[in-house]
């Protein structure tokens, strides 16, 4: 059985926590920030945990986990 490759986009965008949850950066923080209000920018700071429905897809794309 050949080895499975990890999707290269997943390596760049996600991290697994020690308990198996998936962290990701929030969207909408790259450009055009003047048109967003301060509350939106403040609440989307840092990283957040991916929902369980989306975690299943990420696990398929990263069959051996991420470093």
N, C-alpha and C. Protein backbone atom coordinates (compact mmCIF):
# COMPACT_ATOMS: atom_id res chain seq x y z
N UNK A 1 0.85 -1.18 0.00
CA UNK A 1 0.00 0.00 0.00
C UNK A 1 0.90 1.25 0.00
N UNK A 2 0.72 2.16 -0.94
CA UNK A 2 1.58 3.35 -0.97
C UNK A 2 1.23 4.32 0.16
N UNK A 3 2.21 5.15 0.48
CA UNK A 3 1.97 6.17 1.50
C UNK A 3 1.01 7.23 0.96
N UNK A 4 0.22 7.79 1.86
CA UNK A 4 -0.72 8.84 1.48
C UNK A 4 -0.05 10.20 1.68
N UNK A 5 -0.28 11.10 0.76
CA UNK A 5 0.32 12.42 0.87
C UNK A 5 -0.63 13.36 1.61
N UNK A 6 -0.04 14.27 2.35
CA UNK A 6 -0.79 15.33 3.02
C UNK A 6 -0.99 16.47 2.04
N UNK A 7 -2.20 17.03 2.00
CA UNK A 7 -2.46 18.19 1.14
C UNK A 7 -1.56 19.35 1.57
N UNK A 8 -0.90 19.97 0.63
CA UNK A 8 0.06 21.02 0.98
C UNK A 8 -0.64 22.24 1.57
N UNK A 9 -1.88 22.51 1.18
CA UNK A 9 -2.61 23.64 1.75
C UNK A 9 -2.96 23.42 3.21
N UNK A 10 -3.17 22.17 3.59
CA UNK A 10 -3.51 21.86 4.98
C UNK A 10 -2.31 22.08 5.88
N UNK A 11 -1.11 21.77 5.38
CA UNK A 11 0.10 21.98 6.17
C UNK A 11 0.27 23.45 6.53
N UNK A 12 -0.15 24.33 5.63
CA UNK A 12 0.04 25.77 5.84
C UNK A 12 -1.04 26.39 6.70
N UNK A 13 -2.23 25.80 6.75
CA UNK A 13 -3.39 26.48 7.32
C UNK A 13 -3.88 25.95 8.66
N UNK A 14 -3.52 24.73 9.03
CA UNK A 14 -4.09 24.11 10.23
C UNK A 14 -3.00 23.58 11.15
N UNK A 15 -3.35 23.49 12.44
CA UNK A 15 -2.50 22.84 13.44
C UNK A 15 -3.40 21.97 14.31
N UNK A 16 -2.88 20.80 14.72
CA UNK A 16 -3.61 19.93 15.64
C UNK A 16 -3.18 20.23 17.06
N UNK A 17 -4.14 20.28 17.98
CA UNK A 17 -3.81 20.44 19.39
C UNK A 17 -3.48 19.07 19.98
N UNK A 18 -3.03 19.06 21.21
CA UNK A 18 -2.66 17.79 21.86
C UNK A 18 -3.88 16.90 22.09
N UNK A 19 -5.05 17.50 22.22
CA UNK A 19 -6.27 16.70 22.44
C UNK A 19 -6.94 16.31 21.13
N UNK A 20 -6.37 16.70 19.98
CA UNK A 20 -6.90 16.28 18.70
C UNK A 20 -7.80 17.29 18.02
N UNK A 21 -8.00 18.45 18.62
CA UNK A 21 -8.78 19.49 17.96
C UNK A 21 -7.94 20.16 16.89
N UNK A 22 -8.59 20.89 16.00
CA UNK A 22 -7.89 21.54 14.89
C UNK A 22 -8.01 23.05 15.04
N UNK A 23 -6.87 23.74 15.06
CA UNK A 23 -6.86 25.20 15.13
C UNK A 23 -6.68 25.77 13.73
N UNK A 24 -7.26 26.94 13.52
CA UNK A 24 -7.11 27.61 12.23
C UNK A 24 -7.13 29.11 12.44
N UNK A 25 -6.53 29.82 11.52
CA UNK A 25 -6.58 31.27 11.54
C UNK A 25 -7.92 31.75 11.01
N UNK A 26 -8.35 32.89 11.48
CA UNK A 26 -9.65 33.40 11.07
C UNK A 26 -9.55 34.08 9.71
N UNK A 27 -10.64 34.09 8.99
CA UNK A 27 -10.69 34.70 7.67
C UNK A 27 -11.05 36.18 7.79
N UNK A 28 -10.76 36.91 6.75
CA UNK A 28 -11.17 38.30 6.68
C UNK A 28 -10.26 39.26 7.40
N UNK A 29 -8.98 38.93 7.55
CA UNK A 29 -8.06 39.80 8.29
C UNK A 29 -6.84 40.20 7.46
N UNK A 30 -6.92 40.11 6.15
CA UNK A 30 -5.76 40.38 5.31
C UNK A 30 -5.75 41.81 4.77
N UNK A 31 -6.85 42.22 4.20
CA UNK A 31 -6.91 43.55 3.60
C UNK A 31 -8.33 44.07 3.70
N UNK A 32 -8.53 45.34 3.33
CA UNK A 32 -9.83 46.03 3.43
C UNK A 32 -10.34 46.05 4.87
N UNK A 33 -9.46 46.30 5.82
CA UNK A 33 -9.86 46.30 7.22
C UNK A 33 -10.54 47.61 7.62
N UNK A 34 -10.38 48.65 6.82
CA UNK A 34 -11.03 49.92 7.15
C UNK A 34 -12.55 49.79 7.06
N UNK A 35 -13.01 48.96 6.13
CA UNK A 35 -14.46 48.80 5.97
C UNK A 35 -15.08 47.93 7.05
N UNK A 36 -14.26 47.23 7.86
CA UNK A 36 -14.79 46.45 8.98
C UNK A 36 -14.75 47.30 10.24
N UNK A 37 -15.71 47.05 11.12
CA UNK A 37 -15.70 47.82 12.37
C UNK A 37 -14.71 47.21 13.36
N UNK A 38 -14.43 47.94 14.42
CA UNK A 38 -13.40 47.54 15.37
C UNK A 38 -13.77 46.25 16.09
N UNK A 39 -15.05 46.04 16.35
CA UNK A 39 -15.47 44.82 17.04
C UNK A 39 -15.16 43.57 16.20
N UNK A 40 -15.39 43.66 14.91
CA UNK A 40 -15.10 42.54 14.00
C UNK A 40 -13.61 42.22 14.01
N UNK A 41 -12.78 43.23 13.91
CA UNK A 41 -11.33 43.03 13.87
C UNK A 41 -10.84 42.47 15.21
N UNK A 42 -11.37 42.97 16.30
CA UNK A 42 -10.94 42.53 17.62
C UNK A 42 -11.35 41.08 17.89
N UNK A 43 -12.57 40.72 17.52
CA UNK A 43 -13.05 39.36 17.81
C UNK A 43 -12.40 38.30 16.92
N UNK A 44 -11.88 38.71 15.77
CA UNK A 44 -11.24 37.76 14.87
C UNK A 44 -9.72 37.73 15.03
N UNK A 45 -9.24 38.18 16.16
CA UNK A 45 -7.81 38.15 16.44
C UNK A 45 -7.38 36.74 16.82
N UNK A 46 -6.18 36.35 16.44
CA UNK A 46 -5.64 35.07 16.87
C UNK A 46 -6.19 33.89 16.07
N UNK A 47 -6.32 32.75 16.73
CA UNK A 47 -6.79 31.52 16.08
C UNK A 47 -8.07 31.06 16.77
N UNK A 48 -8.77 30.16 16.10
CA UNK A 48 -9.96 29.57 16.70
C UNK A 48 -9.98 28.07 16.39
N UNK A 49 -10.87 27.35 17.04
CA UNK A 49 -10.96 25.90 16.88
C UNK A 49 -11.99 25.58 15.81
N UNK A 50 -11.65 24.66 14.95
CA UNK A 50 -12.51 24.27 13.85
C UNK A 50 -13.69 23.43 14.38
N UNK A 51 -14.84 23.54 13.73
CA UNK A 51 -16.01 22.76 14.15
C UNK A 51 -15.80 21.28 13.83
N UNK A 52 -16.51 20.43 14.55
CA UNK A 52 -16.33 18.98 14.41
C UNK A 52 -16.69 18.50 13.00
N UNK A 53 -17.66 19.14 12.36
CA UNK A 53 -18.05 18.73 11.01
C UNK A 53 -16.92 18.96 10.02
N UNK A 54 -16.15 20.04 10.22
CA UNK A 54 -15.05 20.34 9.31
C UNK A 54 -13.78 19.59 9.67
N UNK A 55 -13.66 19.15 10.92
CA UNK A 55 -12.47 18.41 11.35
C UNK A 55 -12.35 17.11 10.57
N UNK A 56 -13.46 16.48 10.24
CA UNK A 56 -13.43 15.22 9.51
C UNK A 56 -12.76 15.39 8.15
N UNK A 57 -13.02 16.50 7.47
CA UNK A 57 -12.38 16.75 6.18
C UNK A 57 -10.89 16.97 6.33
N UNK A 58 -10.50 17.74 7.35
CA UNK A 58 -9.08 18.03 7.55
C UNK A 58 -8.32 16.76 7.89
N UNK A 59 -8.93 15.85 8.64
CA UNK A 59 -8.25 14.60 8.97
C UNK A 59 -8.03 13.73 7.72
N UNK A 60 -8.94 13.79 6.77
CA UNK A 60 -8.73 13.05 5.52
C UNK A 60 -7.57 13.64 4.73
N UNK A 61 -7.43 14.95 4.77
CA UNK A 61 -6.38 15.63 4.01
C UNK A 61 -5.02 15.50 4.68
N UNK A 62 -4.99 15.21 5.99
CA UNK A 62 -3.74 15.04 6.73
C UNK A 62 -3.77 13.67 7.40
N UNK A 63 -3.52 12.60 6.65
CA UNK A 63 -3.73 11.25 7.20
C UNK A 63 -2.79 10.89 8.35
N UNK A 64 -1.61 11.49 8.43
CA UNK A 64 -0.67 11.18 9.49
C UNK A 64 -0.53 12.30 10.50
N UNK A 65 -1.42 13.26 10.47
CA UNK A 65 -1.35 14.40 11.38
C UNK A 65 -0.41 15.45 10.86
N UNK A 66 -0.24 16.51 11.64
CA UNK A 66 0.63 17.61 11.27
C UNK A 66 1.65 17.82 12.38
N UNK A 67 2.81 18.33 12.04
CA UNK A 67 3.85 18.58 13.04
C UNK A 67 3.61 19.88 13.74
